[in-house]
Amino acid sequence: MKSLLITAVTSFLVMSDIAHAQPAACHALAASPADPDRKGPGVPYAKLDGAKAVAACKAAVTVAPKDGQLWFQYGRALEKVNNVTEAIEAYRKGSDLNNLGALNNLGELYRDGKGVARNIYLAEVLFQNASTYGFPEATQNLKSLEKNRPPVSARTIPAQLRGKFSVPGLTCQETREMSQAFGGEFMGLEVQALEVIQPMEMMCSTMGMTVENPQQVSVVMKCSKNSAEVFLYEATIRPEGVRFELGGGKSSVAVRC
C-alpha cells in the first residue's frame, strides 16, 4: 500500500514537472521581445526557430488552454513556419483571452491582408484596443496607420444624407424622451460630415466610406461607449434611415425623424 502511494505521488510530481516545462519551453522559444509581460528576454521574429517553437507551444496550449500569452506565442511560431491559417486561429483564441499581443498581431494580418481579406478598419480597432491597454508595438502600428489614412475630404458624407434619426428599435418620440432623460435634447443619431454620434455618451467616428449612389452611402464606424475600448460597426445610410450591421447576420435600423 505504501509503495502504491509513493508511486502515485511520484507520478503526480512528474506530471506536474511536465506541465510546467511545456509552457516554459514556449516562453523560451517564442516570447516576443515587444511583449511587456513576456517571461524571459524574448526572441526576435527573424531569429525565431519556427519548428521548435510550434512543437513547444502546441504542447503548452494543450496543458494551459486558458493562457492567452501562450496562444499569442503559438501564433507567432505558426506564422513563422507560414501556417497562417492556424496562426490566425491562435491569435483569435489569444484575443478572446484578452492577450494584447494576439490583438496586435491579428491586426497586422488584417492590415497586410495576410491570410485574411485586407481590412484596415478592423486592423485599426485591434491596434487601438491593444494600445489602450498597454502594448507599445500596437501604439506604433496605430500611429503608422493613422498617418497613412485617406484625407478627410474622402470621408465626407453627402449633405442630403445628413440629419436626425431615431435610435434603432425606438420611435422618434421614444428616442426624444429617452434622450431628455439623460439630460439632453438630442433626438437620436445625427449624421454629420465627419462623425456619427449616438446618445448616452456613445461616439462613432467615420473611418471609411463608399458612395454607392446619390441616395446611398456605406460607412464604417469606430465606436466607443463609456470605455477606452472601441468596436467596429458598418452602416448603410439612406435618406429614409440608417441600417447598422451588428455582426452575425443581425442588423438594426434607425429611422429618420
Protein backbone atom coordinates (compact mmCIF):
# COMPACT_ATOMS: atom_id res chain seq x y z
CA MET A 1 0.00 0.00 0.00
CA LYS A 2 2.83 2.33 0.94
CA SER A 3 4.64 1.61 -2.33
CA LEU A 4 1.48 2.36 -4.30
CA LEU A 5 1.16 5.69 -2.53
CA ILE A 6 4.79 6.57 -3.26
CA THR A 7 4.30 5.62 -6.92
CA ALA A 8 1.18 7.79 -7.17
CA VAL A 9 2.94 10.77 -5.60
CA THR A 10 5.96 10.30 -7.86
CA SER A 11 3.74 10.13 -10.93
CA PHE A 12 1.93 13.29 -9.86
CA LEU A 13 5.21 15.15 -9.39
CA VAL A 14 6.49 14.00 -12.78
CA MET A 15 3.28 15.13 -14.49
CA SER A 16 3.47 18.47 -12.68
CA ASP A 17 7.04 18.95 -13.89
CA ILE A 18 5.98 18.18 -17.46
CA ALA A 19 3.03 20.55 -17.25
CA HIS A 20 5.36 23.30 -16.01
CA ALA A 21 8.10 22.55 -18.53
CA GLN A 22 5.86 22.82 -21.60
CA PRO A 23 4.78 26.46 -21.07
CA ALA A 24 8.34 27.32 -20.02
CA ALA A 25 9.67 25.97 -23.33
CA CYS A 26 7.11 28.01 -25.26
CA HIS A 27 8.10 31.16 -23.36
CA ALA A 28 11.77 30.49 -24.05
CA LEU A 29 11.35 29.78 -27.77
CA ALA A 30 8.52 32.09 -28.87
CA ALA A 31 8.06 35.02 -26.48
CA SER A 32 8.05 38.40 -28.21
CA PRO A 33 10.65 41.00 -27.14
CA ALA A 34 7.90 43.61 -27.68
CA ASP A 35 5.63 41.97 -25.08
CA PRO A 36 5.85 43.90 -21.77
CA ASP A 37 4.58 40.79 -19.95
CA ARG A 38 6.99 38.33 -21.56
CA LYS A 39 8.70 35.74 -19.41
CA GLY A 40 12.36 36.00 -20.33
CA PRO A 41 14.18 38.12 -22.92
CA GLY A 42 12.03 37.10 -25.87
CA VAL A 43 13.06 36.04 -29.37
CA PRO A 44 13.05 38.46 -32.33
CA TYR A 45 10.83 37.19 -35.14
CA ALA A 46 13.79 36.93 -37.54
CA LYS A 47 15.61 34.59 -35.13
CA LEU A 48 12.61 32.51 -34.10
CA ASP A 49 13.05 28.78 -34.74
CA GLY A 50 9.54 28.14 -36.04
CA ALA A 51 9.54 24.35 -35.99
CA LYS A 52 10.81 24.04 -32.42
CA ALA A 53 8.55 26.85 -31.21
CA VAL A 54 5.47 25.31 -32.84
CA ALA A 55 6.11 21.98 -31.11
CA ALA A 56 6.73 23.61 -27.73
CA CYS A 57 3.79 25.99 -27.87
CA LYS A 58 1.37 23.39 -29.21
CA ALA A 59 2.17 21.28 -26.16
CA ALA A 60 1.90 24.35 -23.93
CA VAL A 61 -1.60 25.38 -25.05
CA THR A 62 -2.70 21.78 -24.62
CA VAL A 63 -1.84 21.83 -20.91
CA ALA A 64 -2.79 25.51 -20.40
CA PRO A 65 -5.58 26.33 -22.89
CA LYS A 66 -6.74 29.40 -20.92
CA ASP A 67 -3.38 31.16 -21.12
CA GLY A 68 -3.72 33.90 -23.78
CA GLN A 69 0.01 34.61 -23.82
CA LEU A 70 0.77 31.04 -24.85
CA TRP A 71 -1.77 31.29 -27.70
CA PHE A 72 -0.12 34.55 -28.82
CA GLN A 73 3.30 32.88 -28.86
CA TYR A 74 1.88 29.81 -30.60
CA GLY A 75 0.53 32.17 -33.26
CA ARG A 76 3.98 33.75 -33.73
CA ALA A 77 5.51 30.31 -34.20
CA LEU A 78 2.83 29.20 -36.66
CA GLU A 79 3.20 32.41 -38.64
CA LYS A 80 6.98 31.89 -38.80
CA VAL A 81 6.51 28.47 -40.46
CA ASN A 82 3.98 30.10 -42.81
CA ASN A 83 0.98 28.28 -41.36
CA VAL A 84 -1.03 31.50 -41.42
CA THR A 85 -4.46 29.86 -41.21
CA GLU A 86 -3.70 28.24 -37.87
CA ALA A 87 -1.79 31.33 -36.74
CA ILE A 88 -4.96 33.39 -37.20
CA GLU A 89 -6.93 30.93 -35.09
CA ALA A 90 -4.24 31.02 -32.38
CA TYR A 91 -4.27 34.83 -32.35
CA ARG A 92 -8.07 34.85 -32.16
CA LYS A 93 -8.02 32.48 -29.20
CA GLY A 94 -5.41 34.68 -27.55
CA SER A 95 -7.52 37.77 -28.27
CA ASP A 96 -10.58 36.09 -26.74
CA LEU A 97 -8.46 35.60 -23.62
CA ASN A 98 -7.59 39.32 -23.63
CA ASN A 99 -3.98 38.96 -24.70
CA LEU A 100 -2.77 42.25 -26.17
CA GLY A 101 0.00 40.72 -28.30
CA ALA A 102 -2.53 38.49 -30.01
CA LEU A 103 -4.75 41.51 -30.70
CA ASN A 104 -1.81 43.39 -32.20
CA ASN A 105 -0.59 40.55 -34.39
CA LEU A 106 -4.09 39.80 -35.62
CA GLY A 107 -4.34 43.48 -36.52
CA GLU A 108 -1.12 43.22 -38.52
CA LEU A 109 -2.54 40.34 -40.55
CA TYR A 110 -5.70 42.34 -41.36
CA ARG A 111 -3.61 45.41 -42.18
CA ASP A 112 -1.44 43.44 -44.60
CA GLY A 113 -4.14 41.13 -45.96
CA LYS A 114 -2.06 38.13 -44.89
CA GLY A 115 -4.26 35.04 -44.73
CA VAL A 116 -7.40 37.20 -44.50
CA ALA A 117 -9.12 39.82 -46.63
CA ARG A 118 -7.37 43.15 -46.06
CA ASN A 119 -9.36 45.28 -43.62
CA ILE A 120 -7.56 48.39 -42.39
CA TYR A 121 -10.60 49.45 -40.35
CA LEU A 122 -10.61 46.27 -38.29
CA ALA A 123 -6.82 46.49 -38.04
CA GLU A 124 -7.12 49.98 -36.56
CA VAL A 125 -9.68 48.82 -34.00
CA LEU A 126 -7.42 45.92 -32.94
CA PHE A 127 -4.37 48.18 -32.72
CA GLN A 128 -6.25 50.79 -30.71
CA ASN A 129 -7.58 48.29 -28.19
CA ALA A 130 -4.14 46.71 -27.73
CA SER A 131 -2.56 50.16 -27.46
CA THR A 132 -5.15 51.39 -24.96
CA TYR A 133 -4.27 48.63 -22.54
CA GLY A 134 -0.51 49.00 -22.84
CA PHE A 135 1.04 47.13 -25.78
CA PRO A 136 3.72 49.52 -27.21
CA GLU A 137 4.03 47.83 -30.61
CA ALA A 138 0.30 48.35 -31.17
CA THR A 139 0.74 52.07 -30.44
CA GLN A 140 3.41 52.26 -33.14
CA ASN A 141 1.20 50.38 -35.60
CA LEU A 142 -1.73 52.67 -34.82
CA LYS A 143 0.30 55.84 -35.38
CA SER A 144 1.58 54.49 -38.70
CA LEU A 145 -1.93 53.59 -39.83
CA GLU A 146 -3.35 56.96 -38.84
CA LYS A 147 -0.50 58.74 -40.65
CA ASN A 148 -1.45 56.99 -43.90
CA ARG A 149 -5.22 57.40 -43.51
CA PRO A 150 -7.09 58.84 -46.54
CA PRO A 151 -7.72 62.60 -46.47
CA VAL A 152 -10.76 63.90 -44.58
CA SER A 153 -12.38 65.07 -47.82
CA ALA A 154 -12.70 61.45 -48.92
CA ARG A 155 -14.83 60.68 -45.86
CA THR A 156 -17.37 63.49 -46.10
CA ILE A 157 -21.00 62.34 -46.02
CA PRO A 158 -23.13 63.98 -48.73
CA ALA A 159 -25.34 66.75 -47.35
CA GLN A 160 -28.60 65.11 -48.46
CA LEU A 161 -27.88 62.16 -46.18
CA ARG A 162 -27.26 64.19 -43.02
CA GLY A 163 -29.98 64.61 -40.43
CA LYS A 164 -31.53 63.26 -37.25
CA PHE A 165 -32.55 59.65 -36.81
CA SER A 166 -34.26 57.70 -34.06
CA VAL A 167 -32.26 55.20 -32.05
CA PRO A 168 -32.57 51.72 -33.63
CA GLY A 169 -35.70 49.98 -32.37
CA LEU A 170 -37.36 53.13 -30.98
CA THR A 171 -39.77 55.68 -32.43
CA CYS A 172 -38.68 59.29 -32.76
CA GLN A 173 -40.84 60.24 -29.76
CA GLU A 174 -39.37 57.44 -27.64
CA THR A 175 -35.89 58.44 -28.67
CA ARG A 176 -36.57 62.08 -27.77
CA GLU A 177 -37.92 61.11 -24.33
CA MET A 178 -35.01 58.79 -23.65
CA SER A 179 -32.52 61.44 -24.68
CA GLN A 180 -34.15 64.02 -22.40
CA ALA A 181 -34.00 61.53 -19.52
CA PHE A 182 -30.22 61.61 -19.94
CA GLY A 183 -30.23 65.39 -19.72
CA GLY A 184 -30.06 66.22 -23.40
CA GLU A 185 -32.27 67.37 -26.23
CA PHE A 186 -30.60 65.00 -28.65
CA MET A 187 -33.08 63.12 -30.85
CA GLY A 188 -31.03 60.09 -31.63
CA LEU A 189 -28.36 59.52 -34.18
CA GLU A 190 -27.13 62.59 -36.03
CA VAL A 191 -25.03 62.12 -39.14
CA GLN A 192 -22.52 64.92 -39.68
CA ALA A 193 -19.72 65.45 -42.16
CA LEU A 194 -17.03 63.64 -40.19
CA GLU A 195 -18.63 61.70 -37.38
CA VAL A 196 -21.68 59.80 -36.21
CA ILE A 197 -22.88 60.42 -32.66
CA GLN A 198 -25.37 58.43 -30.58
CA PRO A 199 -26.93 59.19 -27.17
CA MET A 200 -25.59 58.03 -23.80
CA GLU A 201 -22.05 59.23 -24.48
CA MET A 202 -21.52 56.88 -27.39
CA MET A 203 -19.44 58.32 -30.22
CA CYS A 204 -18.75 56.72 -33.56
CA SER A 205 -16.06 58.21 -35.79
CA THR A 206 -16.34 57.61 -39.51
CA MET A 207 -13.33 55.61 -40.68
CA GLY A 208 -14.21 54.76 -44.25
CA MET A 209 -16.96 55.39 -46.74
CA THR A 210 -18.22 54.20 -50.11
CA VAL A 211 -20.77 56.24 -52.08
CA GLU A 212 -22.96 53.58 -53.69
CA ASN A 213 -25.19 56.09 -55.50
CA PRO A 214 -26.63 59.59 -54.82
CA GLN A 215 -29.12 58.08 -52.36
CA GLN A 216 -26.95 55.56 -50.52
CA VAL A 217 -23.64 55.65 -48.65
CA SER A 218 -21.93 52.75 -46.87
CA VAL A 219 -19.98 53.83 -43.80
CA VAL A 220 -17.54 52.04 -41.49
CA MET A 221 -17.55 53.47 -37.97
CA LYS A 222 -15.26 53.03 -34.99
CA CYS A 223 -17.39 53.29 -31.85
CA SER A 224 -16.71 53.63 -28.14
CA LYS A 225 -19.25 53.63 -25.31
CA ASN A 226 -18.14 54.84 -21.88
CA SER A 227 -14.87 52.98 -22.37
CA ALA A 228 -11.45 53.31 -23.92
CA GLU A 229 -12.14 50.11 -25.83
CA VAL A 230 -13.51 50.55 -29.36
CA PHE A 231 -15.68 48.44 -31.65
CA LEU A 232 -16.25 48.33 -35.38
CA TYR A 233 -19.69 48.81 -36.93
CA GLU A 234 -20.87 49.05 -40.51
CA ALA A 235 -23.88 51.10 -41.56
CA THR A 236 -25.70 51.88 -44.78
CA ILE A 237 -27.14 55.39 -44.80
CA ARG A 238 -30.15 56.22 -46.98
CA PRO A 239 -32.47 59.24 -46.98
CA GLU A 240 -35.12 57.25 -45.07
CA GLY A 241 -32.83 55.85 -42.39
CA VAL A 242 -29.66 54.07 -41.31
CA ARG A 243 -29.13 50.31 -41.18
CA PHE A 244 -26.48 49.06 -38.74
CA GLU A 245 -24.80 45.72 -39.39
CA LEU A 246 -24.16 44.27 -35.94
CA GLY A 247 -22.36 41.08 -36.93
CA GLY A 248 -23.58 37.53 -37.12
CA GLY A 249 -26.10 38.47 -39.82
CA LYS A 250 -28.02 40.76 -37.44
CA SER A 251 -28.97 44.32 -38.24
CA SER A 252 -30.99 47.19 -36.81
CA VAL A 253 -32.49 50.24 -38.46
CA ALA A 254 -32.58 53.86 -37.29
CA VAL A 255 -35.42 55.84 -38.92
CA ARG A 256 -35.09 59.45 -39.99
CA CYS A 257 -37.10 61.80 -37.73
